[in-house]
C-alpha atoms as a PDB file:
ATOM      1  CA  MET A   1       0.000   0.000   0.000  1.00  0.00           C
ATOM      2  CA  SER A   2       1.384   3.382  -0.870  1.00  0.00           C
ATOM      3  CA  ARG A   3       1.145   6.396   1.365  1.00  0.00           C
ATOM      4  CA  PRO A   4      -1.112   9.257   0.341  1.00  0.00           C
ATOM      5  CA  GLY A   5       0.745  11.882  -1.637  1.00  0.00           C
ATOM      6  CA  ARG A   6       3.537   9.538  -2.640  1.00  0.00           C
ATOM      7  CA  SER A   7       3.947   8.289  -6.158  1.00  0.00           C
ATOM      8  CA  SER A   8       4.262   4.667  -7.105  1.00  0.00           C
ATOM      9  CA  PRO A   9       7.613   3.217  -8.250  1.00  0.00           C
ATOM     10  CA  ALA A  10       8.928   4.611 -11.528  1.00  0.00           C
ATOM     11  CA  THR A  11       7.200   3.267 -14.597  1.00  0.00           C
ATOM     12  CA  ALA A  12       7.441   4.064 -18.264  1.00  0.00           C
ATOM     13  CA  GLY A  13       4.574   6.560 -17.872  1.00  0.00           C
ATOM     14  CA  ASP A  14       6.179   8.311 -14.899  1.00  0.00           C
ATOM     15  CA  PRO A  15       7.119  11.921 -15.764  1.00  0.00           C
ATOM     16  CA  GLY A  16      10.457  11.494 -13.940  1.00  0.00           C
ATOM     17  CA  THR A  17      11.338   8.489 -16.051  1.00  0.00           C
ATOM     18  CA  ALA A  18      10.298  10.220 -19.259  1.00  0.00           C
ATOM     19  CA  ALA A  19      12.364  13.269 -18.311  1.00  0.00           C
ATOM     20  CA  ALA A  20      15.371  11.078 -17.573  1.00  0.00           C
ATOM     21  CA  LEU A  21      15.046   9.324 -20.953  1.00  0.00           C
ATOM     22  CA  HIS A  22      15.098  12.695 -22.699  1.00  0.00           C
ATOM     23  CA  CYS A  23      18.384  13.746 -21.058  1.00  0.00           C
ATOM     24  CA  ASP A  24      21.444  13.793 -23.295  1.00  0.00           C
ATOM     25  CA  HIS A  25      23.183  10.446 -23.765  1.00  0.00           C
ATOM     26  CA  VAL A  26      20.754   8.387 -21.615  1.00  0.00           C
ATOM     27  CA  LEU A  27      19.290   6.311 -24.452  1.00  0.00           C
ATOM     28  CA  ARG A  28      22.740   5.763 -25.936  1.00  0.00           C
ATOM     29  CA  LEU A  29      24.095   4.578 -22.569  1.00  0.00           C
ATOM     30  CA  LEU A  30      21.159   2.245 -21.994  1.00  0.00           C
ATOM     31  CA  GLY A  31      21.382   0.868 -25.539  1.00  0.00           C
ATOM     32  CA  GLY A  32      25.133   0.414 -25.258  1.00  0.00           C
ATOM     33  CA  THR A  33      24.908  -1.547 -22.035  1.00  0.00           C
ATOM     34  CA  LEU A  34      22.131  -3.694 -23.501  1.00  0.00           C
ATOM     35  CA  LEU A  35      24.279  -4.538 -26.518  1.00  0.00           C
ATOM     36  CA  GLY A  36      27.314  -4.994 -24.290  1.00  0.00           C
ATOM     37  CA  ARG A  37      25.504  -7.527 -22.125  1.00  0.00           C
ATOM     38  CA  LEU A  38      24.455  -9.724 -25.054  1.00  0.00           C
ATOM     39  CA  PRO A  39      27.792 -11.592 -25.143  1.00  0.00           C
ATOM     40  CA  ASN A  40      27.334 -12.496 -21.465  1.00  0.00           C
ATOM     41  CA  GLY A  41      24.305 -14.525 -22.481  1.00  0.00           C
ATOM     42  CA  MET A  42      25.709 -15.799 -25.770  1.00  0.00           C
ATOM     43  CA  ALA A  43      29.115 -16.958 -24.496  1.00  0.00           C
ATOM     44  CA  PRO A  44      27.852 -20.105 -22.730  1.00  0.00           C
ATOM     45  CA  LEU A  45      25.896 -21.116 -25.827  1.00  0.00           C
ATOM     46  CA  ALA A  46      28.958 -20.519 -28.026  1.00  0.00           C
ATOM     47  CA  VAL A  47      31.119 -22.614 -25.685  1.00  0.00           C
ATOM     48  CA  LEU A  48      28.543 -25.412 -25.712  1.00  0.00           C
ATOM     49  CA  LEU A  49      28.343 -25.423 -29.514  1.00  0.00           C
ATOM     50  CA  LEU A  50      32.135 -25.290 -29.844  1.00  0.00           C
ATOM     51  CA  VAL A  51      32.688 -28.274 -27.572  1.00  0.00           C
ATOM     52  CA  GLN A  52      30.036 -30.310 -29.351  1.00  0.00           C
ATOM     53  CA  HIS A  53      31.474 -29.349 -32.745  1.00  0.00           C
ATOM     54  CA  ASP A  54      34.921 -30.494 -31.641  1.00  0.00           C
ATOM     55  CA  GLY A  55      33.526 -33.857 -30.551  1.00  0.00           C
ATOM     56  CA  GLY A  56      33.513 -33.174 -26.833  1.00  0.00           C
ATOM     57  CA  THR A  57      30.895 -34.547 -24.516  1.00  0.00           C
ATOM     58  CA  LEU A  58      27.787 -32.708 -23.467  1.00  0.00           C
ATOM     59  CA  ALA A  59      28.893 -33.135 -19.848  1.00  0.00           C
ATOM     60  CA  HIS A  60      32.147 -31.277 -20.506  1.00  0.00           C
ATOM     61  CA  ALA A  61      30.317 -28.572 -22.460  1.00  0.00           C
ATOM     62  CA  GLY A  62      27.869 -28.120 -19.586  1.00  0.00           C
ATOM     63  CA  ALA A  63      30.723 -27.982 -17.098  1.00  0.00           C
ATOM     64  CA  LEU A  64      32.444 -25.255 -19.126  1.00  0.00           C
ATOM     65  CA  CYS A  65      29.207 -23.252 -19.275  1.00  0.00           C
ATOM     66  CA  ALA A  66      28.783 -23.618 -15.523  1.00  0.00           C
ATOM     67  CA  LEU A  67      32.391 -22.588 -14.906  1.00  0.00           C
ATOM     68  CA  TYR A  68      31.917 -19.479 -17.045  1.00  0.00           C
ATOM     69  CA  GLY A  69      28.719 -18.561 -15.194  1.00  0.00           C
ATOM     70  CA  ILE A  70      30.252 -19.087 -11.757  1.00  0.00           C
ATOM     71  CA  ALA A  71      33.401 -17.163 -12.675  1.00  0.00           C
ATOM     72  CA  SER A  72      31.282 -14.287 -14.018  1.00  0.00           C
ATOM     73  CA  ALA A  73      29.206 -14.311 -10.839  1.00  0.00           C
ATOM     74  CA  VAL A  74      32.406 -14.055  -8.785  1.00  0.00           C
ATOM     75  CA  GLY A  75      34.248 -11.568 -11.008  1.00  0.00           C
ATOM     76  CA  GLN A  76      31.435  -9.115 -11.783  1.00  0.00           C
ATOM     77  CA  PRO A  77      30.902  -7.891  -8.207  1.00  0.00           C
ATOM     78  CA  LEU A  78      34.631  -7.601  -7.569  1.00  0.00           C
ATOM     79  CA  LEU A  79      35.290  -5.618 -10.734  1.00  0.00           C
ATOM     80  CA  GLY A  80      32.075  -3.657 -10.145  1.00  0.00           C
ATOM     81  CA  ARG A  81      33.317  -2.631  -6.725  1.00  0.00           C
ATOM     82  CA  LEU A  82      36.490  -1.304  -8.323  1.00  0.00           C
ATOM     83  CA  VAL A  83      34.449   0.743 -10.813  1.00  0.00           C
ATOM     84  CA  ASP A  84      32.262   2.093  -7.997  1.00  0.00           C
ATOM     85  CA  ARG A  85      35.339   3.191  -6.035  1.00  0.00           C
ATOM     86  CA  HIS A  86      37.512   4.506  -8.859  1.00  0.00           C
ATOM     87  CA  GLY A  87      35.047   5.287 -11.678  1.00  0.00           C
ATOM     88  CA  GLN A  88      35.547   4.345 -15.306  1.00  0.00           C
ATOM     89  CA  ASP A  89      39.124   3.515 -16.103  1.00  0.00           C
ATOM     90  CA  PRO A  90      41.015   3.022 -19.364  1.00  0.00           C
ATOM     91  CA  GLY A  91      41.329  -0.692 -18.574  1.00  0.00           C
ATOM     92  CA  HIS A  92      37.622  -1.221 -19.281  1.00  0.00           C
ATOM     93  CA  ARG A  93      38.275  -1.729 -23.006  1.00  0.00           C
ATOM     94  CA  GLN A  94      41.238  -3.973 -22.275  1.00  0.00           C
ATOM     95  CA  ARG A  95      39.000  -6.262 -20.203  1.00  0.00           C
ATOM     96  CA  HIS A  96      36.654  -6.583 -23.194  1.00  0.00           C
ATOM     97  CA  GLY A  97      39.570  -7.617 -25.383  1.00  0.00           C
ATOM     98  CA  THR A  98      40.928  -9.994 -22.760  1.00  0.00           C
ATOM     99  CA  THR A  99      37.570 -11.699 -22.327  1.00  0.00           C
ATOM    100  CA  THR A 100      37.129 -12.008 -26.089  1.00  0.00           C
ATOM    101  CA  ALA A 101      40.592 -13.505 -26.554  1.00  0.00           C
ATOM    102  CA  LEU A 102      40.128 -15.942 -23.674  1.00  0.00           C
ATOM    103  CA  LEU A 103      36.827 -17.132 -25.119  1.00  0.00           C
ATOM    104  CA  ALA A 104      38.325 -17.494 -28.602  1.00  0.00           C
ATOM    105  CA  LEU A 105      41.383 -19.495 -27.495  1.00  0.00           C
ATOM    106  CA  PRO A 106      39.533 -22.739 -26.684  1.00  0.00           C
ATOM    107  CA  ALA A 107      38.672 -22.984 -30.387  1.00  0.00           C
ATOM    108  CA  ALA A 108      42.396 -23.391 -31.093  1.00  0.00           C
ATOM    109  CA  LEU A 109      42.808 -26.177 -28.529  1.00  0.00           C
ATOM    110  CA  ASP A 110      42.495 -29.866 -29.231  1.00  0.00           C
ATOM    111  CA  ALA A 111      39.476 -31.611 -27.768  1.00  0.00           C
ATOM    112  CA  GLY A 112      41.920 -33.604 -25.620  1.00  0.00           C
ATOM    113  CA  GLN A 113      42.904 -30.563 -23.513  1.00  0.00           C
ATOM    114  CA  PRO A 114      39.955 -30.076 -21.158  1.00  0.00           C
ATOM    115  CA  ALA A 115      42.046 -28.593 -18.325  1.00  0.00           C
ATOM    116  CA  ALA A 116      43.300 -25.778 -20.558  1.00  0.00           C
ATOM    117  CA  ALA A 117      39.775 -25.100 -21.811  1.00  0.00           C
ATOM    118  CA  ASN A 118      38.517 -25.040 -18.202  1.00  0.00           C
ATOM    119  CA  ALA A 119      41.189 -22.511 -17.203  1.00  0.00           C
ATOM    120  CA  LEU A 120      40.529 -20.260 -20.205  1.00  0.00           C
ATOM    121  CA  VAL A 121      36.779 -20.230 -19.630  1.00  0.00           C
ATOM    122  CA  VAL A 122      37.215 -19.439 -15.924  1.00  0.00           C
ATOM    123  CA  LEU A 123      39.605 -16.582 -16.739  1.00  0.00           C
ATOM    124  CA  ALA A 124      37.173 -15.273 -19.352  1.00  0.00           C
ATOM    125  CA  GLY A 125      34.384 -15.258 -16.783  1.00  0.00           C
ATOM    126  CA  LEU A 126      36.534 -13.524 -14.192  1.00  0.00           C
ATOM    127  CA  THR A 127      37.565 -10.764 -16.613  1.00  0.00           C
ATOM    128  CA  THR A 128      34.102 -10.041 -18.004  1.00  0.00           C
ATOM    129  CA  PRO A 129      33.693  -6.259 -17.666  1.00  0.00           C
ATOM    130  CA  PRO A 130      31.061  -5.030 -15.194  1.00  0.00           C
ATOM    131  CA  LEU A 131      28.896  -2.971 -17.541  1.00  0.00           C
ATOM    132  CA  GLU A 132      26.196  -2.324 -14.954  1.00  0.00           C
ATOM    133  CA  ALA A 133      28.719  -0.832 -12.521  1.00  0.00           C
ATOM    134  CA  GLY A 134      30.181   1.245 -15.327  1.00  0.00           C
ATOM    135  CA  LEU A 135      26.747   2.614 -16.131  1.00  0.00           C
ATOM    136  CA  ARG A 136      26.095   3.274 -12.455  1.00  0.00           C
ATOM    137  CA  ALA A 137      29.328   5.291 -12.270  1.00  0.00           C
ATOM    138  CA  LEU A 138      28.204   7.437 -15.233  1.00  0.00           C
ATOM    139  CA  TRP A 139      24.684   8.339 -14.031  1.00  0.00           C
ATOM    140  CA  PRO A 140      25.765  11.287 -11.822  1.00  0.00           C
ATOM    141  CA  SER A 141      27.493  12.960 -14.759  1.00  0.00           C
ATOM    142  CA  VAL A 142      24.577  12.404 -17.153  1.00  0.00           C
ATOM    143  CA  LEU A 143      21.458  13.059 -15.072  1.00  0.00           C
ATOM    144  CA  PRO A 144      20.696  16.322 -13.304  1.00  0.00           C
ATOM    145  CA  ASP A 145      20.466  16.373  -9.519  1.00  0.00           C
ATOM    146  CA  PRO A 146      16.899  15.734  -8.310  1.00  0.00           C
END
């Protein structure tokens, strides 16, 4: 139950939300983080398809996907905390490149090297850039004070 005189949580029809969406750069930032998060969802599927294509077992493919998810779940908050404390840094782009390279390297491995593939996938998950924390660090410079 909401208190009298108080508005409900922000919705698409809320004038505050509409005003925020009309501020400079807001739609571009939201669109960029949406596109930037797509690889986080596609990487496990790509790993699964790669392992199956190379003749690996479904169990190993599932284990690699789980390792990537767990490593991302561990790495994202840690890297996000760094962004919250220090703001955007030049290393943000380097982490994108590192993650991409680490996810591409298992394709060059033989199917008989599961330990190396495990290590690469874990490192890729740990280095996945925290886009949400990066966006959170930018909001004060984009939106006016309430």
